[in-house]
Protein backbone atom coordinates (compact mmCIF):
# COMPACT_ATOMS: atom_id res chain seq x y z
CA MET A 1 2.55 -20.93 2.54
CA VAL A 2 0.45 -22.38 -0.14
CA ILE A 3 0.90 -23.06 -3.68
CA GLU A 4 -1.63 -22.07 -6.53
CA ALA A 5 -1.35 -22.20 -10.22
CA GLY A 6 2.61 -22.01 -10.38
CA LYS A 7 2.15 -18.97 -7.64
CA GLN A 8 3.54 -18.78 -4.09
CA VAL A 9 1.28 -17.00 -2.20
CA ASN A 10 2.70 -16.19 1.46
CA ARG A 11 -0.42 -16.31 4.14
CA LEU A 12 -0.24 -14.38 6.77
CA ALA A 13 -0.26 -15.81 10.66
CA CYS A 14 -2.41 -14.45 13.21
CA LEU A 15 -0.42 -11.37 14.39
CA GLU A 16 2.35 -11.52 11.86
CA VAL A 17 3.98 -8.50 10.23
CA ARG A 18 5.40 -9.03 7.24
CA GLY A 19 7.41 -6.30 4.60
CA GLY A 20 10.31 -4.03 4.50
CA ASN A 21 12.05 -2.54 2.38
CA ASP A 22 14.47 -4.99 0.43
CA LEU A 23 14.09 -6.35 -3.16
CA ALA A 24 10.80 -8.72 -2.73
CA THR A 25 7.80 -10.06 -5.23
CA TYR A 26 5.09 -12.39 -3.64
CA ALA A 27 1.14 -12.61 -3.10
CA ALA A 28 -0.28 -12.79 -0.02
CA ASP A 29 -3.19 -14.46 1.61
CA LEU A 30 -4.96 -11.66 3.68
CA PRO A 31 -7.98 -11.51 5.99
CA GLY A 32 -11.14 -11.11 3.47
CA LEU A 33 -8.06 -9.58 0.51
CA ALA A 34 -5.85 -11.28 -2.23
CA GLY A 35 -2.49 -9.25 -2.08
CA TRP A 36 0.39 -9.05 -4.25
CA VAL A 37 3.40 -7.18 -3.65
CA SER A 38 6.10 -5.79 -5.68
CA CYS A 39 9.30 -4.24 -3.94
CA GLN A 40 12.64 -2.73 -6.37
CA PRO A 41 14.37 -0.87 -4.37
CA LEU A 42 16.96 1.49 -7.09
CA ARG A 43 19.49 -1.18 -8.81
CA PRO A 44 22.27 -1.62 -7.73
CA SER A 45 20.69 -1.53 -3.85
CA VAL A 46 18.46 -4.61 -2.46
CA LYS A 47 17.33 -2.19 0.02
CA GLY A 48 15.55 0.93 -0.87
CA GLY A 49 13.59 4.02 0.38
CA ASP A 50 10.12 2.61 -0.53
CA VAL A 51 8.57 0.67 2.80
CA TYR A 52 5.43 -1.85 2.99
CA TYR A 53 4.10 -3.80 5.49
CA LEU A 54 1.28 -6.40 5.81
CA SER A 55 -0.51 -7.52 9.01
CA ALA A 56 -3.49 -9.62 10.18
CA CYS A 57 -4.76 -9.29 13.25
CA SER A 58 -5.21 -12.19 15.92
CA GLN A 59 -9.28 -12.82 15.23
CA GLY A 60 -8.24 -12.93 11.38
CA VAL A 61 -10.59 -10.14 10.47
CA MET A 62 -8.46 -7.65 9.76
CA THR A 63 -5.72 -6.44 7.57
CA ARG A 64 -3.03 -3.28 7.93
CA VAL A 65 -1.20 -2.40 4.95
CA ALA A 66 1.25 0.68 5.40
CA LEU A 67 3.31 2.30 2.45
CA ALA A 68 5.34 5.03 2.96
CA ASP A 69 8.46 6.16 1.03
CA VAL A 70 11.49 7.74 3.12
CA SER A 71 13.96 10.31 2.53
CA GLY A 72 17.18 8.63 1.90
CA HIS A 73 18.48 5.26 1.92
CA GLY A 74 20.88 2.67 3.71
CA ASP A 75 20.95 1.76 7.46
CA GLY A 76 18.79 4.89 8.47
CA VAL A 77 15.70 3.93 6.43
CA SER A 78 16.05 0.06 7.46
CA ALA A 79 16.18 1.72 10.97
CA ALA A 80 12.88 3.55 10.24
CA ALA A 81 11.23 0.78 8.49
CA ILE A 82 12.21 -1.68 11.81
CA ARG A 83 10.54 0.72 14.01
CA LEU A 84 7.46 1.03 11.38
CA ARG A 85 7.21 -2.66 11.93
CA ASP A 86 6.91 -2.41 15.91
CA ALA A 87 4.87 0.59 15.86
CA LEU A 88 2.08 -1.66 13.75
CA ARG A 89 2.89 -4.58 15.59
CA SER A 90 1.86 -2.83 19.16
CA HIS A 91 -1.32 -1.42 17.16
CA ILE A 92 -2.47 -4.79 15.43
CA GLU A 93 -5.49 -5.27 17.37
CA ARG A 94 -6.58 -1.42 17.09
CA TRP A 95 -9.08 -0.91 14.34
CA ASP A 96 -9.06 3.13 15.17
CA GLN A 97 -5.52 4.14 13.44
CA SER A 98 -5.08 7.20 15.14
CA ALA A 99 -3.09 5.97 18.09
CA LEU A 100 -0.43 4.70 15.46
CA ILE A 101 -0.52 7.44 13.61
CA ARG A 102 1.10 9.75 16.74
CA HIS A 103 3.13 6.72 17.52
CA LEU A 104 4.55 7.35 14.15
CA ASN A 105 4.78 10.87 14.31
CA ASP A 106 6.50 10.68 17.72
CA ASN A 107 9.04 7.40 16.72
CA PHE A 108 9.93 8.51 13.22
CA LEU A 109 9.64 12.22 12.98
CA LYS A 110 11.79 12.65 15.68
CA SER A 111 14.37 10.32 15.20
CA ALA A 112 17.90 10.18 16.36
CA HIS A 113 19.02 9.19 12.85
CA GLY A 114 17.32 12.22 10.98
CA VAL A 115 15.38 10.03 8.37
CA ARG A 116 11.49 10.83 8.48
CA PHE A 117 8.86 10.04 6.36
CA ALA A 118 8.32 11.80 3.15
CA THR A 119 4.91 10.08 2.88
CA ALA A 120 3.05 7.46 3.87
CA PHE A 121 -0.24 5.28 3.61
CA LEU A 122 -1.96 3.41 6.22
CA ALA A 123 -5.00 1.63 5.74
CA SER A 124 -7.06 -1.16 7.70
CA TYR A 125 -9.80 -3.93 6.40
CA TYR A 126 -12.35 -4.97 8.14
CA ALA A 127 -13.24 -8.24 6.32
CA ASN A 128 -16.28 -8.85 8.12
CA SER A 129 -17.94 -5.67 6.83
CA GLY A 130 -15.52 -4.94 3.90
CA GLU A 131 -14.53 -1.49 5.22
CA LEU A 132 -11.59 -0.13 4.59
CA LEU A 133 -10.18 2.81 6.94
CA PHE A 134 -7.53 4.97 5.50
CA THR A 135 -5.66 7.68 6.03
CA ASN A 136 -3.15 9.66 3.36
CA ALA A 137 -0.16 11.58 5.27
CA GLY A 138 0.49 13.34 1.51
CA HIS A 139 1.50 10.26 -0.41
CA LEU A 140 0.39 9.48 -3.91
CA PRO A 141 -3.62 8.34 -4.15
CA PRO A 142 -3.96 4.91 -4.48
CA LEU A 143 -6.33 3.63 -7.78
CA TRP A 144 -9.28 2.24 -6.65
CA TYR A 145 -11.07 -0.27 -9.31
CA ARG A 146 -14.56 -0.62 -8.57
CA ARG A 147 -15.99 -4.09 -10.07
CA ALA A 148 -20.39 -2.39 -9.86
CA THR A 149 -18.64 0.67 -12.24
CA ARG A 150 -16.19 -0.89 -14.11
CA GLN A 151 -14.26 1.80 -13.81
CA TRP A 152 -10.76 3.09 -12.43
CA ASP A 153 -9.96 6.38 -10.38
CA PHE A 154 -7.99 7.33 -7.61
CA LEU A 155 -8.94 6.86 -4.06
CA HIS A 156 -9.04 10.53 -2.22
CA ASP A 157 -10.03 11.28 1.51
CA SER A 158 -12.46 13.68 0.24
CA THR A 159 -14.18 10.76 -2.13
CA PRO A 160 -17.86 11.65 -2.33
CA LEU A 161 -18.34 7.45 -1.33
CA SER A 162 -16.76 8.09 2.14
CA LYS A 163 -19.16 6.67 4.82
CA GLU A 164 -19.26 7.53 8.41
CA ILE A 165 -17.62 5.68 11.39
CA VAL A 166 -19.32 6.40 14.55
CA ASP A 167 -17.46 7.38 17.38
CA LEU A 168 -13.99 7.07 15.65
CA PRO A 169 -11.77 10.69 16.83
CA LEU A 170 -9.27 12.11 14.34
CA GLY A 171 -5.59 11.80 15.05
CA ILE A 172 -3.71 15.10 15.15
CA ILE A 173 -0.12 15.40 14.80
CA ALA A 174 2.15 17.95 15.19
CA GLY A 175 -0.27 20.50 14.58
CA THR A 176 -1.52 18.71 11.19
CA GLU A 177 -4.71 17.25 11.18
CA TYR A 178 -4.91 13.57 9.50
CA SER A 179 -8.19 12.54 8.85
CA GLN A 180 -9.70 8.89 8.77
CA THR A 181 -11.52 8.16 5.66
CA ALA A 182 -13.55 5.46 5.75
CA VAL A 183 -15.17 3.39 2.07
CA GLN A 184 -16.97 0.53 1.26
CA LEU A 185 -14.89 -2.11 -0.79
CA GLU A 186 -17.50 -4.53 -2.69
CA PRO A 187 -16.00 -7.88 -3.88
CA GLY A 188 -13.87 -7.81 -6.73
CA ASP A 189 -12.65 -4.21 -6.07
CA LEU A 190 -9.21 -3.38 -6.18
CA LEU A 191 -7.02 -0.92 -4.70
CA LEU A 192 -3.42 -0.33 -6.12
CA LEU A 193 -1.32 1.32 -3.78
CA TYR A 194 2.44 2.78 -5.46
CA THR A 195 5.52 5.10 -4.58
CA ASP A 196 6.61 7.52 -6.57
CA GLY A 197 8.97 5.67 -8.52
CA ILE A 198 5.89 4.38 -10.90
CA SER A 199 4.25 7.59 -11.17
CA GLU A 200 7.41 9.73 -11.98
CA ALA A 201 9.16 7.17 -13.99
CA TYR A 202 10.36 8.84 -17.37
CA ASP A 203 10.61 7.67 -21.26
CA ASP A 204 12.97 8.24 -22.97
CA SER A 205 12.48 11.64 -24.23
CA GLY A 206 12.34 12.67 -20.89
CA THR A 207 8.41 12.34 -20.67
CA GLN A 208 7.14 11.19 -16.86
CA LEU A 209 4.59 9.09 -16.90
CA GLY A 210 2.22 11.74 -14.41
CA GLN A 211 -0.98 11.13 -12.85
CA GLU A 212 -3.33 10.98 -15.69
CA ARG A 213 -1.23 8.41 -17.89
CA LEU A 214 -1.14 6.31 -14.91
CA LEU A 215 -4.90 6.03 -14.30
CA SER A 216 -5.01 6.02 -18.31
CA MET A 217 -3.20 2.94 -17.76
CA ALA A 218 -4.78 1.17 -14.99
CA ARG A 219 -7.97 1.18 -17.36
CA THR A 220 -6.04 -1.29 -19.98
CA LEU A 221 -5.07 -3.53 -16.41
CA PRO A 222 -6.61 -7.11 -16.25
CA VAL A 223 -8.83 -6.75 -13.01
CA ASP A 224 -9.54 -10.67 -12.45
CA SER A 225 -7.03 -11.20 -9.55
CA ALA A 226 -4.42 -8.56 -7.65
CA ILE A 227 -1.65 -10.44 -8.84
CA ALA A 228 -2.65 -10.00 -12.48
CA ALA A 229 -3.25 -6.38 -12.00
CA GLY A 230 -0.21 -5.46 -9.92
CA GLU A 231 2.16 -7.69 -12.41
CA GLU A 232 1.01 -5.89 -14.97
CA LEU A 233 0.93 -2.34 -14.05
CA VAL A 234 4.24 -3.06 -13.35
CA ALA A 235 5.15 -4.25 -16.90
CA ALA A 236 3.23 -1.29 -18.12
CA THR A 237 5.62 1.08 -16.01
CA ALA A 238 8.24 -0.75 -17.49
CA ARG A 239 7.17 -0.52 -21.27
CA PHE A 240 7.04 3.51 -21.11
CA SER A 241 10.26 3.59 -19.55
CA ALA A 242 11.79 1.68 -22.14
CA ASN A 243 15.83 2.26 -22.57
CA ALA A 244 15.36 4.96 -19.94
CA PRO A 245 16.94 3.90 -16.86
CA ALA A 246 14.60 3.94 -13.44
CA THR A 247 15.34 6.91 -11.03
CA ASP A 248 14.18 5.90 -7.82
CA ASP A 249 12.70 2.78 -6.33
CA GLN A 250 9.58 1.28 -7.14
CA THR A 251 6.99 -0.25 -4.98
CA VAL A 252 3.26 -1.72 -5.49
CA VAL A 253 0.84 -3.47 -3.57
CA ALA A 254 -1.90 -4.71 -5.31
CA LEU A 255 -5.25 -5.73 -3.26
CA GLN A 256 -8.53 -7.03 -4.46
CA ARG A 257 -11.11 -7.72 -1.93
CA ILE A 258 -12.64 -11.96 -2.51
CA GLU A 259 -15.77 -13.07 -2.38
CA ASP A 260 -16.73 -15.43 0.09
CA GLY A 261 -15.43 -18.87 -0.33
CA ALA A 262 -13.82 -17.67 -3.11
CA SER A 263 -10.22 -18.58 -4.24
CA ARG A 264 -7.24 -16.90 -3.44
């Protein structure tokens, strides 16, 4: 661990997998990326249905991020979180995500606990090239800030900015095609992953935040760091909700590509 500007930053060790479904807020130092996590289960529970994990490979060049919104709460979700962690650990060195996705399907959707993932977003980042490979299994699209254009948008698997990964097979799961899409992250680019507790927050009048308001909110966020962007997204969501109580778990994972030699 390192301490920077009053912030505690957790530096992931080789082959480490960190995360879960517990109450947590912290910054993370990842291969080529600065990260920040806020996992806020619906009170009074300290373990929710949102499950996230971060991992780093042994060569120190690849980061993997998984965010899932699991149906249910309690022990069943905690067991699912453990299975997700174990699956990520067993595939931690593999750039291709298709085998991991099939593993997740076999081990989670057919679980004896009767708990399944409602949605999931899985991404692998290769620090040497800046490539981000991702699979979206019904999850909400991340927010993507591109420093070159100074614009925010949603990251969809149909993005025209996708790039070809040579000889990379698609994962086929239970009759459903899960595509793997690759995009290039440039230094300073930001990704904000979130669960529906953020986008489906309500205000006092019962109005839902929604995707369009969320994108408008993103355009007001600071972009100098993952910590600043993530913290302000959580704060802005709370301001929108005002006195309306939360109705679901709220999780945000912020990631920013750092420049070579830059401070994290």
